[in-house]
PDB file of N, CA and C in Angstrom:
ATOM      1  N   MET A   1       0.713  -1.299  -0.022  1.00  0.00           N
ATOM      2  CA  MET A   1       0.089  -0.003  -0.126  1.00  0.00           C
ATOM      3  C   MET A   1       0.818   1.138   0.014  1.00  0.00           C
ATOM      4  N   ALA A   2       1.869   1.205   0.772  1.00  0.00           N
ATOM      5  CA  ALA A   2       2.871   2.445   0.736  1.00  0.00           C
ATOM      6  C   ALA A   2       3.354   2.547  -0.537  1.00  0.00           C
ATOM      7  N   GLN A   3       3.859   1.680  -1.099  1.00  0.00           N
ATOM      8  CA  GLN A   3       4.467   1.788  -2.357  1.00  0.00           C
ATOM      9  C   GLN A   3       3.580   2.407  -3.542  1.00  0.00           C
ATOM     10  N   ASN A   4       2.287   1.870  -3.520  1.00  0.00           N
ATOM     11  CA  ASN A   4       1.144   2.327  -4.441  1.00  0.00           C
ATOM     12  C   ASN A   4       1.011   3.811  -4.001  1.00  0.00           C
ATOM     13  N   PHE A   5       0.872   4.224  -2.843  1.00  0.00           N
ATOM     14  CA  PHE A   5       0.682   5.544  -2.386  1.00  0.00           C
ATOM     15  C   PHE A   5       1.706   6.599  -2.981  1.00  0.00           C
ATOM     16  N   MET A   6       3.081   6.361  -2.695  1.00  0.00           N
ATOM     17  CA  MET A   6       4.232   7.060  -3.163  1.00  0.00           C
ATOM     18  C   MET A   6       3.985   7.017  -4.731  1.00  0.00           C
ATOM     19  N   GLN A   7       3.945   5.851  -5.463  1.00  0.00           N
ATOM     20  CA  GLN A   7       3.739   5.860  -6.933  1.00  0.00           C
ATOM     21  C   GLN A   7       2.649   6.708  -7.446  1.00  0.00           C
ATOM     22  N   ARG A   8       1.512   6.829  -6.774  1.00  0.00           N
ATOM     23  CA  ARG A   8       0.447   7.544  -7.147  1.00  0.00           C
ATOM     24  C   ARG A   8       0.588   9.018  -6.962  1.00  0.00           C
ATOM     25  N   HIS A   9       1.216   9.351  -5.717  1.00  0.00           N
ATOM     26  CA  HIS A   9       1.137  10.992  -5.483  1.00  0.00           C
ATOM     27  C   HIS A   9       2.686  11.599  -5.642  1.00  0.00           C
ATOM     28  N   PHE A  10       3.615  10.865  -5.540  1.00  0.00           N
ATOM     29  CA  PHE A  10       4.998  11.305  -5.693  1.00  0.00           C
ATOM     30  C   PHE A  10       5.734  10.573  -6.710  1.00  0.00           C
ATOM     31  N   ASN A  11       5.434  10.203  -7.642  1.00  0.00           N
ATOM     32  CA  ASN A  11       5.961   9.401  -8.693  1.00  0.00           C
ATOM     33  C   ASN A  11       7.128  10.178  -9.254  1.00  0.00           C
ATOM     34  N   GLY A  12       8.288   9.350  -9.038  1.00  0.00           N
ATOM     35  CA  GLY A  12       9.496   9.943  -9.797  1.00  0.00           C
ATOM     36  C   GLY A  12      10.301  10.796  -8.793  1.00  0.00           C
ATOM     37  N   VAL A  13       9.852  10.913  -7.617  1.00  0.00           N
ATOM     38  CA  VAL A  13      10.478  11.616  -6.652  1.00  0.00           C
ATOM     39  C   VAL A  13      11.575  10.637  -5.732  1.00  0.00           C
ATOM     40  N   GLU A  14      12.660  10.963  -5.654  1.00  0.00           N
ATOM     41  CA  GLU A  14      13.799  10.086  -5.115  1.00  0.00           C
ATOM     42  C   GLU A  14      13.487  10.008  -3.731  1.00  0.00           C
ATOM     43  N   ILE A  15      13.729   8.702  -3.361  1.00  0.00           N
ATOM     44  CA  ILE A  15      13.680   8.545  -1.768  1.00  0.00           C
ATOM     45  C   ILE A  15      15.137   8.652  -1.239  1.00  0.00           C
ATOM     46  N   LYS A  16      14.999   9.345  -0.220  1.00  0.00           N
ATOM     47  CA  LYS A  16      16.513   9.591   0.390  1.00  0.00           C
ATOM     48  C   LYS A  16      16.783   8.681   1.613  1.00  0.00           C
ATOM     49  N   GLU A  17      15.526   8.336   2.524  1.00  0.00           N
ATOM     50  CA  GLU A  17      15.857   7.409   3.549  1.00  0.00           C
ATOM     51  C   GLU A  17      14.554   6.988   3.967  1.00  0.00           C
ATOM     52  N   ILE A  18      14.588   5.737   4.620  1.00  0.00           N
ATOM     53  CA  ILE A  18      13.367   4.989   5.187  1.00  0.00           C
ATOM     54  C   ILE A  18      13.747   4.666   6.552  1.00  0.00           C
ATOM     55  N   ILE A  19      12.951   5.091   7.480  1.00  0.00           N
ATOM     56  CA  ILE A  19      13.228   4.610   8.855  1.00  0.00           C
ATOM     57  C   ILE A  19      12.007   3.862   9.471  1.00  0.00           C
ATOM     58  N   CYS A  20      12.386   2.701   9.989  1.00  0.00           N
ATOM     59  CA  CYS A  20      11.349   1.807  10.553  1.00  0.00           C
ATOM     60  C   CYS A  20      11.425   1.869  12.181  1.00  0.00           C
ATOM     61  N   GLU A  21      10.300   2.473  12.791  1.00  0.00           N
ATOM     62  CA  GLU A  21      10.186   2.598  14.319  1.00  0.00           C
ATOM     63  C   GLU A  21       9.380   1.437  14.855  1.00  0.00           C
ATOM     64  N   HIS A  22       9.839   0.596  15.764  1.00  0.00           N
ATOM     65  CA  HIS A  22       8.797  -0.330  16.542  1.00  0.00           C
ATOM     66  C   HIS A  22       8.861   0.008  17.638  1.00  0.00           C
ATOM     67  N   ARG A  23       7.762   0.048  18.422  1.00  0.00           N
ATOM     68  CA  ARG A  23       7.520   0.330  20.066  1.00  0.00           C
ATOM     69  C   ARG A  23       6.574  -0.716  20.364  1.00  0.00           C
ATOM     70  N   ALA A  24       6.296  -0.853  21.376  1.00  0.00           N
ATOM     71  CA  ALA A  24       5.646  -2.017  22.161  1.00  0.00           C
ATOM     72  C   ALA A  24       4.213  -2.234  21.232  1.00  0.00           C
ATOM     73  N   SER A  25       3.383  -1.265  21.110  1.00  0.00           N
ATOM     74  CA  SER A  25       2.011  -1.639  20.319  1.00  0.00           C
ATOM     75  C   SER A  25       2.130  -0.761  19.053  1.00  0.00           C
ATOM     76  N   LEU A  26       3.135  -0.221  18.554  1.00  0.00           N
ATOM     77  CA  LEU A  26       3.236   0.763  17.406  1.00  0.00           C
ATOM     78  C   LEU A  26       4.381   0.318  16.541  1.00  0.00           C
ATOM     79  N   SER A  27       4.234   0.198  15.349  1.00  0.00           N
ATOM     80  CA  SER A  27       5.159   0.165  14.166  1.00  0.00           C
ATOM     81  C   SER A  27       4.744   1.139  13.296  1.00  0.00           C
ATOM     82  N   GLN A  28       5.750   1.949  12.611  1.00  0.00           N
ATOM     83  CA  GLN A  28       5.515   3.016  11.685  1.00  0.00           C
ATOM     84  C   GLN A  28       6.701   3.078  10.911  1.00  0.00           C
ATOM     85  N   PHE A  29       6.746   3.741   9.755  1.00  0.00           N
ATOM     86  CA  PHE A  29       7.634   4.038   8.818  1.00  0.00           C
ATOM     87  C   PHE A  29       7.566   5.248   8.459  1.00  0.00           C
ATOM     88  N   GLU A  30       8.906   5.901   8.368  1.00  0.00           N
ATOM     89  CA  GLU A  30       8.948   7.363   8.078  1.00  0.00           C
ATOM     90  C   GLU A  30       9.859   7.386   6.683  1.00  0.00           C
ATOM     91  N   VAL A  31       9.370   7.886   5.429  1.00  0.00           N
ATOM     92  CA  VAL A  31      10.080   7.864   4.337  1.00  0.00           C
ATOM     93  C   VAL A  31      10.555   9.399   3.927  1.00  0.00           C
ATOM     94  N   SER A  32      11.687   9.634   3.909  1.00  0.00           N
ATOM     95  CA  SER A  32      12.067  10.833   3.546  1.00  0.00           C
ATOM     96  C   SER A  32      12.379  10.800   1.913  1.00  0.00           C
ATOM     97  N   LEU A  33      11.672  11.925   1.264  1.00  0.00           N
ATOM     98  CA  LEU A  33      11.830  11.989  -0.230  1.00  0.00           C
ATOM     99  C   LEU A  33      12.792  13.199  -0.394  1.00  0.00           C
ATOM    100  N   LYS A  34      13.360  13.360  -1.588  1.00  0.00           N
ATOM    101  CA  LYS A  34      13.969  14.718  -2.103  1.00  0.00           C
ATOM    102  C   LYS A  34      13.103  15.811  -2.039  1.00  0.00           C
ATOM    103  N   GLY A  35      13.314  17.034  -1.968  1.00  0.00           N
ATOM    104  CA  GLY A  35      12.535  18.137  -2.038  1.00  0.00           C
ATOM    105  C   GLY A  35      11.883  18.358  -0.731  1.00  0.00           C
ATOM    106  N   GLY A  36      12.234  17.823   0.391  1.00  0.00           N
ATOM    107  CA  GLY A  36      11.754  18.245   1.847  1.00  0.00           C
ATOM    108  C   GLY A  36      10.504  17.690   1.900  1.00  0.00           C
ATOM    109  N   ILE A  37      10.097  16.447   1.472  1.00  0.00           N
ATOM    110  CA  ILE A  37       8.852  15.832   1.519  1.00  0.00           C
ATOM    111  C   ILE A  37       9.091  14.560   2.611  1.00  0.00           C
ATOM    112  N   THR A  38       8.253  14.359   3.596  1.00  0.00           N
ATOM    113  CA  THR A  38       8.355  13.359   4.524  1.00  0.00           C
ATOM    114  C   THR A  38       6.995  12.757   4.655  1.00  0.00           C
ATOM    115  N   LEU A  39       6.967  11.244   4.462  1.00  0.00           N
ATOM    116  CA  LEU A  39       5.732  10.620   4.502  1.00  0.00           C
ATOM    117  C   LEU A  39       5.725   9.512   5.802  1.00  0.00           C
ATOM    118  N   GLN A  40       4.735   9.473   6.504  1.00  0.00           N
ATOM    119  CA  GLN A  40       4.742   8.530   7.437  1.00  0.00           C
ATOM    120  C   GLN A  40       3.579   7.375   7.345  1.00  0.00           C
ATOM    121  N   PHE A  41       3.804   6.217   7.420  1.00  0.00           N
ATOM    122  CA  PHE A  41       2.876   5.163   7.354  1.00  0.00           C
ATOM    123  C   PHE A  41       2.720   4.367   8.476  1.00  0.00           C
ATOM    124  N   ASP A  42       1.604   3.649   8.606  1.00  0.00           N
ATOM    125  CA  ASP A  42       1.452   2.798   9.715  1.00  0.00           C
ATOM    126  C   ASP A  42       1.900   1.352   9.376  1.00  0.00           C
ATOM    127  N   ARG A  43       1.585   0.546  10.197  1.00  0.00           N
ATOM    128  CA  ARG A  43       2.239  -0.867   9.959  1.00  0.00           C
ATOM    129  C   ARG A  43       1.514  -1.523   8.932  1.00  0.00           C
ATOM    130  N   ASN A  44       0.340  -1.014   8.324  1.00  0.00           N
ATOM    131  CA  ASN A  44      -0.696  -1.679   7.247  1.00  0.00           C
ATOM    132  C   ASN A  44      -0.198  -0.893   6.137  1.00  0.00           C
ATOM    133  N   GLY A  45       0.774   0.150   5.911  1.00  0.00           N
ATOM    134  CA  GLY A  45       1.104   0.551   4.821  1.00  0.00           C
ATOM    135  C   GLY A  45       0.162   2.002   4.519  1.00  0.00           C
ATOM    136  N   ILE A  46      -0.711   2.477   5.460  1.00  0.00           N
ATOM    137  CA  ILE A  46      -1.479   3.406   5.236  1.00  0.00           C
ATOM    138  C   ILE A  46      -0.774   4.728   5.662  1.00  0.00           C
ATOM    139  N   CYS A  47      -0.811   5.764   4.689  1.00  0.00           N
ATOM    140  CA  CYS A  47      -0.323   7.024   4.831  1.00  0.00           C
ATOM    141  C   CYS A  47      -1.017   7.770   6.235  1.00  0.00           C
ATOM    142  N   THR A  48      -0.225   8.087   7.057  1.00  0.00           N
ATOM    143  CA  THR A  48      -1.079   8.945   8.295  1.00  0.00           C
ATOM    144  C   THR A  48      -0.432  10.336   8.316  1.00  0.00           C
ATOM    145  N   GLU A  49       0.559  10.814   7.704  1.00  0.00           N
ATOM    146  CA  GLU A  49       1.087  12.037   7.580  1.00  0.00           C
ATOM    147  C   GLU A  49       2.002  12.329   6.425  1.00  0.00           C
ATOM    148  N   VAL A  50       1.776  13.507   5.692  1.00  0.00           N
ATOM    149  CA  VAL A  50       2.413  14.137   4.634  1.00  0.00           C
ATOM    150  C   VAL A  50       2.902  15.578   5.149  1.00  0.00           C
ATOM    151  N   ARG A  51       4.212  15.728   5.145  1.00  0.00           N
ATOM    152  CA  ARG A  51       4.828  16.958   5.355  1.00  0.00           C
ATOM    153  C   ARG A  51       5.824  17.531   4.020  1.00  0.00           C
ATOM    154  N   CYS A  52       5.509  18.674   3.808  1.00  0.00           N
ATOM    155  CA  CYS A  52       6.147  19.340   2.562  1.00  0.00           C
ATOM    156  C   CYS A  52       6.754  20.569   2.822  1.00  0.00           C
ATOM    157  N   LYS A  53       8.115  20.659   2.784  1.00  0.00           N
ATOM    158  CA  LYS A  53       8.822  21.681   3.264  1.00  0.00           C
ATOM    159  C   LYS A  53       8.810  22.978   2.236  1.00  0.00           C
ATOM    160  N   LYS A  54       8.742  22.541   0.856  1.00  0.00           N
ATOM    161  CA  LYS A  54       8.974  23.453  -0.149  1.00  0.00           C
ATOM    162  C   LYS A  54       7.930  23.386  -1.074  1.00  0.00           C
ATOM    163  N   SER A  55       6.851  22.660  -0.913  1.00  0.00           N
ATOM    164  CA  SER A  55       5.684  22.657  -1.762  1.00  0.00           C
ATOM    165  C   SER A  55       4.506  22.444  -1.085  1.00  0.00           C
ATOM    166  N   ALA A  56       3.408  22.289  -1.815  1.00  0.00           N
ATOM    167  CA  ALA A  56       2.183  21.846  -1.179  1.00  0.00           C
ATOM    168  C   ALA A  56       1.822  20.467  -1.107  1.00  0.00           C
ATOM    169  N   VAL A  57       1.077  20.055  -0.246  1.00  0.00           N
ATOM    170  CA  VAL A  57       0.714  18.547  -0.185  1.00  0.00           C
ATOM    171  C   VAL A  57      -0.224  18.517  -1.130  1.00  0.00           C
ATOM    172  N   PRO A  58      -0.171  17.349  -2.197  1.00  0.00           N
ATOM    173  CA  PRO A  58      -1.053  17.305  -3.140  1.00  0.00           C
ATOM    174  C   PRO A  58      -2.574  17.189  -2.541  1.00  0.00           C
ATOM    175  N   ASP A  59      -3.382  17.889  -3.300  1.00  0.00           N
ATOM    176  CA  ASP A  59      -5.010  17.756  -2.886  1.00  0.00           C
ATOM    177  C   ASP A  59      -5.345  16.305  -2.878  1.00  0.00           C
ATOM    178  N   ALA A  60      -4.890  15.419  -3.887  1.00  0.00           N
ATOM    179  CA  ALA A  60      -5.365  14.133  -3.860  1.00  0.00           C
ATOM    180  C   ALA A  60      -5.107  13.196  -2.696  1.00  0.00           C
ATOM    181  N   VAL A  61      -4.200  13.718  -1.800  1.00  0.00           N
ATOM    182  CA  VAL A  61      -3.789  13.066  -0.444  1.00  0.00           C
ATOM    183  C   VAL A  61      -4.971  13.189   0.472  1.00  0.00           C
ATOM    184  N   MET A  62      -5.667  14.201   0.477  1.00  0.00           N
ATOM    185  CA  MET A  62      -6.553  14.461   1.316  1.00  0.00           C
ATOM    186  C   MET A  62      -8.161  14.367   0.931  1.00  0.00           C
ATOM    187  N   PRO A  63      -8.820  14.114   1.998  1.00  0.00           N
ATOM    188  CA  PRO A  63     -10.553  13.993   1.440  1.00  0.00           C
ATOM    189  C   PRO A  63     -10.924  15.167   0.724  1.00  0.00           C
ATOM    190  N   ASP A  64     -11.592  14.923  -0.261  1.00  0.00           N
ATOM    191  CA  ASP A  64     -12.315  16.117  -1.164  1.00  0.00           C
ATOM    192  C   ASP A  64     -13.038  17.029  -0.323  1.00  0.00           C
ATOM    193  N   GLU A  65     -13.600  16.709   0.710  1.00  0.00           N
ATOM    194  CA  GLU A  65     -14.521  17.653   1.571  1.00  0.00           C
ATOM    195  C   GLU A  65     -13.628  18.542   2.332  1.00  0.00           C
ATOM    196  N   ILE A  66     -12.606  18.022   2.799  1.00  0.00           N
ATOM    197  CA  ILE A  66     -11.602  19.042   3.504  1.00  0.00           C
ATOM    198  C   ILE A  66     -10.888  19.949   2.427  1.00  0.00           C
ATOM    199  N   VAL A  67     -10.297  19.435   1.428  1.00  0.00           N
ATOM    200  CA  VAL A  67      -9.835  20.245   0.311  1.00  0.00           C
ATOM    201  C   VAL A  67     -10.732  21.349   0.009  1.00  0.00           C
ATOM    202  N   ARG A  68     -12.075  21.325  -0.254  1.00  0.00           N
ATOM    203  CA  ARG A  68     -13.213  22.080  -0.658  1.00  0.00           C
ATOM    204  C   ARG A  68     -13.119  23.101   0.412  1.00  0.00           C
ATOM    205  N   GLN A  69     -13.283  22.694   1.677  1.00  0.00           N
ATOM    206  CA  GLN A  69     -13.353  23.737   2.845  1.00  0.00           C
ATOM    207  C   GLN A  69     -12.218  24.580   2.863  1.00  0.00           C
ATOM    208  N   ILE A  70     -10.991  24.028   2.741  1.00  0.00           N
ATOM    209  CA  ILE A  70      -9.859  24.781   2.801  1.00  0.00           C
ATOM    210  C   ILE A  70      -9.766  26.067   1.592  1.00  0.00           C
ATOM    211  N   LYS A  71     -10.013  25.567   0.477  1.00  0.00           N
ATOM    212  CA  LYS A  71     -10.097  26.535  -0.612  1.00  0.00           C
ATOM    213  C   LYS A  71     -11.120  27.589  -0.549  1.00  0.00           C
ATOM    214  N   ALA A  72     -12.203  27.126   0.161  1.00  0.00           N
ATOM    215  CA  ALA A  72     -13.297  28.181   0.315  1.00  0.00           C
ATOM    216  C   ALA A  72     -13.185  29.167   1.514  1.00  0.00           C
ATOM    217  N   GLN A  73     -12.547  28.562   2.547  1.00  0.00           N
ATOM    218  CA  GLN A  73     -12.608  29.336   3.916  1.00  0.00           C
ATOM    219  C   GLN A  73     -10.871  29.867   3.954  1.00  0.00           C
ATOM    220  N   PHE A  74      -9.890  29.438   3.326  1.00  0.00           N
ATOM    221  CA  PHE A  74      -8.566  30.190   3.502  1.00  0.00           C
ATOM    222  C   PHE A  74      -7.863  30.189   2.077  1.00  0.00           C
ATOM    223  N   PRO A  75      -8.767  31.183   1.067  1.00  0.00           N
ATOM    224  CA  PRO A  75      -8.236  31.263  -0.279  1.00  0.00           C
ATOM    225  C   PRO A  75      -6.721  31.905  -0.422  1.00  0.00           C
ATOM    226  N   GLY A  76      -6.093  31.223  -1.436  1.00  0.00           N
ATOM    227  CA  GLY A  76      -4.436  31.593  -1.193  1.00  0.00           C
ATOM    228  C   GLY A  76      -3.579  31.037  -0.499  1.00  0.00           C
ATOM    229  N   GLN A  77      -4.231  30.002   0.315  1.00  0.00           N
ATOM    230  CA  GLN A  77      -3.328  29.309   1.292  1.00  0.00           C
ATOM    231  C   GLN A  77      -3.218  27.999   0.615  1.00  0.00           C
ATOM    232  N   PHE A  78      -2.185  27.099   1.054  1.00  0.00           N
ATOM    233  CA  PHE A  78      -2.018  25.829   0.667  1.00  0.00           C
ATOM    234  C   PHE A  78      -1.563  24.929   1.956  1.00  0.00           C
ATOM    235  N   VAL A  79      -1.758  23.799   1.878  1.00  0.00           N
ATOM    236  CA  VAL A  79      -1.377  22.734   2.938  1.00  0.00           C
ATOM    237  C   VAL A  79       0.136  22.497   2.941  1.00  0.00           C
ATOM    238  N   MET A  80       0.698  22.483   3.834  1.00  0.00           N
ATOM    239  CA  MET A  80       2.182  22.040   4.102  1.00  0.00           C
ATOM    240  C   MET A  80       2.213  20.748   4.923  1.00  0.00           C
ATOM    241  N   LYS A  81       1.155  20.533   5.747  1.00  0.00           N
ATOM    242  CA  LYS A  81       1.257  19.204   6.490  1.00  0.00           C
ATOM    243  C   LYS A  81      -0.170  18.802   6.595  1.00  0.00           C
ATOM    244  N   TYR A  82      -0.262  17.610   6.516  1.00  0.00           N
ATOM    245  CA  TYR A  82      -1.623  16.731   6.596  1.00  0.00           C
ATOM    246  C   TYR A  82      -1.179  15.473   7.494  1.00  0.00           C
ATOM    247  N   GLU A  83      -1.947  15.486   8.539  1.00  0.00           N
ATOM    248  CA  GLU A  83      -1.713  14.230   9.383  1.00  0.00           C
ATOM    249  C   GLU A  83      -3.192  13.833   9.745  1.00  0.00           C
ATOM    250  N   HIS A  84      -3.426  12.447   9.980  1.00  0.00           N
ATOM    251  CA  HIS A  84      -4.817  12.029  10.341  1.00  0.00           C
ATOM    252  C   HIS A  84      -4.733  10.644  11.027  1.00  0.00           C
ATOM    253  N   ASP A  85      -5.750  10.413  11.916  1.00  0.00           N
ATOM    254  CA  ASP A  85      -5.884   9.061  12.518  1.00  0.00           C
ATOM    255  C   ASP A  85      -7.453   8.627  12.291  1.00  0.00           C
ATOM    256  N   SER A  86      -7.794   7.680  12.947  1.00  0.00           N
ATOM    257  CA  SER A  86      -9.257   7.376  12.972  1.00  0.00           C
ATOM    258  C   SER A  86     -10.124   8.380  13.379  1.00  0.00           C
ATOM    259  N   ARG A  87      -9.738   9.475  14.093  1.00  0.00           N
ATOM    260  CA  ARG A  87     -10.679  10.362  14.784  1.00  0.00           C
ATOM    261  C   ARG A  87     -10.473  11.863  14.137  1.00  0.00           C
ATOM    262  N   ILE A  88      -9.409  12.151  13.843  1.00  0.00           N
ATOM    263  CA  ILE A  88      -9.057  13.506  13.438  1.00  0.00           C
ATOM    264  C   ILE A  88      -8.131  13.828  12.299  1.00  0.00           C
ATOM    265  N   TYR A  89      -8.356  14.919  11.722  1.00  0.00           N
ATOM    266  CA  TYR A  89      -7.502  15.406  10.431  1.00  0.00           C
ATOM    267  C   TYR A  89      -6.705  16.903  11.164  1.00  0.00           C
ATOM    268  N   ASP A  90      -5.405  16.684  11.137  1.00  0.00           N
ATOM    269  CA  ASP A  90      -4.712  18.044  11.490  1.00  0.00           C
ATOM    270  C   ASP A  90      -4.142  18.641  10.182  1.00  0.00           C
ATOM    271  N   ILE A  91      -4.182  19.782  10.056  1.00  0.00           N
ATOM    272  CA  ILE A  91      -3.844  20.526   8.714  1.00  0.00           C
ATOM    273  C   ILE A  91      -2.785  21.527   9.053  1.00  0.00           C
ATOM    274  N   GLU A  92      -1.694  21.917   8.579  1.00  0.00           N
ATOM    275  CA  GLU A  92      -1.052  23.060   8.589  1.00  0.00           C
ATOM    276  C   GLU A  92      -1.033  23.748   7.296  1.00  0.00           C
ATOM    277  N   LEU A  93      -1.372  24.997   7.355  1.00  0.00           N
ATOM    278  CA  LEU A  93      -1.347  25.809   5.976  1.00  0.00           C
ATOM    279  C   LEU A  93       0.057  26.558   6.037  1.00  0.00           C
ATOM    280  N   ASN A  94       0.274  27.044   4.880  1.00  0.00           N
ATOM    281  CA  ASN A  94       1.634  27.684   4.521  1.00  0.00           C
ATOM    282  C   ASN A  94       1.779  29.057   5.321  1.00  0.00           C
ATOM    283  N   ASP A  95       0.856  29.726   5.850  1.00  0.00           N
ATOM    284  CA  ASP A  95       0.901  30.774   6.633  1.00  0.00           C
ATOM    285  C   ASP A  95       1.036  30.350   8.276  1.00  0.00           C
ATOM    286  N   GLY A  96       1.150  29.133   8.490  1.00  0.00           N
ATOM    287  CA  GLY A  96       1.298  28.679   9.970  1.00  0.00           C
ATOM    288  C   GLY A  96      -0.195  28.325  10.710  1.00  0.00           C
ATOM    289  N   THR A  97      -1.140  28.694   9.968  1.00  0.00           N
ATOM    290  CA  THR A  97      -2.509  28.502  10.474  1.00  0.00           C
ATOM    291  C   THR A  97      -2.742  26.764  10.564  1.00  0.00           C
ATOM    292  N   GLU A  98      -3.151  26.342  11.817  1.00  0.00           N
ATOM    293  CA  GLU A  98      -3.381  24.743  12.120  1.00  0.00           C
ATOM    294  C   GLU A  98      -4.924  24.845  12.112  1.00  0.00           C
ATOM    295  N   LEU A  99      -5.273  23.832  11.259  1.00  0.00           N
ATOM    296  CA  LEU A  99      -6.857  23.433  11.189  1.00  0.00           C
ATOM    297  C   LEU A  99      -6.945  21.987  11.854  1.00  0.00           C
ATOM    298  N   THR A 100      -8.056  21.678  12.600  1.00  0.00           N
ATOM    299  CA  THR A 100      -8.422  20.375  12.910  1.00  0.00           C
ATOM    300  C   THR A 100      -9.794  20.140  12.260  1.00  0.00           C
ATOM    301  N   PHE A 101      -9.985  19.065  11.823  1.00  0.00           N
ATOM    302  CA  PHE A 101     -11.233  18.576  11.311  1.00  0.00           C
ATOM    303  C   PHE A 101     -11.685  17.318  12.228  1.00  0.00           C
ATOM    304  N   ASN A 102     -12.909  16.939  12.213  1.00  0.00           N
ATOM    305  CA  ASN A 102     -13.359  15.823  13.032  1.00  0.00           C
ATOM    306  C   ASN A 102     -13.468  14.732  11.966  1.00  0.00           C
ATOM    307  N   ARG A 103     -13.874  13.441  12.406  1.00  0.00           N
ATOM    308  CA  ARG A 103     -13.914  12.404  11.235  1.00  0.00           C
ATOM    309  C   ARG A 103     -15.195  12.543  10.333  1.00  0.00           C
ATOM    310  N   ALA A 104     -16.007  13.516  10.735  1.00  0.00           N
ATOM    311  CA  ALA A 104     -17.076  13.715   9.692  1.00  0.00           C
ATOM    312  C   ALA A 104     -16.711  14.958   8.820  1.00  0.00           C
ATOM    313  N   MET A 105     -15.395  15.291   9.070  1.00  0.00           N
ATOM    314  CA  MET A 105     -14.788  16.409   8.090  1.00  0.00           C
ATOM    315  C   MET A 105     -15.338  17.709   8.364  1.00  0.00           C
ATOM    316  N   ARG A 106     -15.776  18.051   9.694  1.00  0.00           N
ATOM    317  CA  ARG A 106     -16.336  19.327  10.131  1.00  0.00           C
ATOM    318  C   ARG A 106     -15.038  19.999  10.738  1.00  0.00           C
ATOM    319  N   LEU A 107     -14.749  21.335  10.325  1.00  0.00           N
ATOM    320  CA  LEU A 107     -13.864  22.115  10.997  1.00  0.00           C
ATOM    321  C   LEU A 107     -14.159  22.283  12.374  1.00  0.00           C
ATOM    322  N   ILE A 108     -13.348  21.841  13.282  1.00  0.00           N
ATOM    323  CA  ILE A 108     -13.609  22.016  14.805  1.00  0.00           C
ATOM    324  C   ILE A 108     -12.605  22.860  15.626  1.00  0.00           C
ATOM    325  N   ASP A 109     -11.345  23.290  14.799  1.00  0.00           N
ATOM    326  CA  ASP A 109     -10.438  24.163  15.504  1.00  0.00           C
ATOM    327  C   ASP A 109      -9.668  25.002  14.481  1.00  0.00           C
ATOM    328  N   VAL A 110      -9.376  26.226  14.691  1.00  0.00           N
ATOM    329  CA  VAL A 110      -8.568  26.937  14.036  1.00  0.00           C
ATOM    330  C   VAL A 110      -7.516  27.743  14.894  1.00  0.00           C
ATOM    331  N   ASP A 111      -6.219  27.526  14.653  1.00  0.00           N
ATOM    332  CA  ASP A 111      -5.083  27.863  15.714  1.00  0.00           C
ATOM    333  C   ASP A 111      -4.347  28.860  14.816  1.00  0.00           C
ATOM    334  N   ARG A 112      -4.356  30.310  14.748  1.00  0.00           N
ATOM    335  CA  ARG A 112      -3.734  31.077  13.883  1.00  0.00           C
ATOM    336  C   ARG A 112      -2.540  31.371  14.671  1.00  0.00           C
ATOM    337  N   PRO A 113      -1.241  31.726  14.010  1.00  0.00           N
ATOM    338  CA  PRO A 113       0.012  32.076  14.546  1.00  0.00           C
ATOM    339  C   PRO A 113      -0.073  33.565  15.137  1.00  0.00           C
TER     340      PRO A 113
END
């Protein structure tokens, strides 16, 4: 699943490093790509975090409803960090604004710098 995700969203971007972390009940993988892109995957290969230092997180990585709300409510901004688990979605915009969406994809918190 992780390889398919990288091919679909970051095809042709060179892998710099892969780190595997194993803790008591948690296994995760962090993949560093060229261009300041970091991906984090759970033990099942599901992407749980995308961070981009020099570019925007691709819209296709995020749920359509979240992308729609960001474009409508924060015009001119783009996503630099996208993280999710089974309950929430955390987003960081290029101006430092942090957004939290619940599992129903309702915006529940806005933290401006």
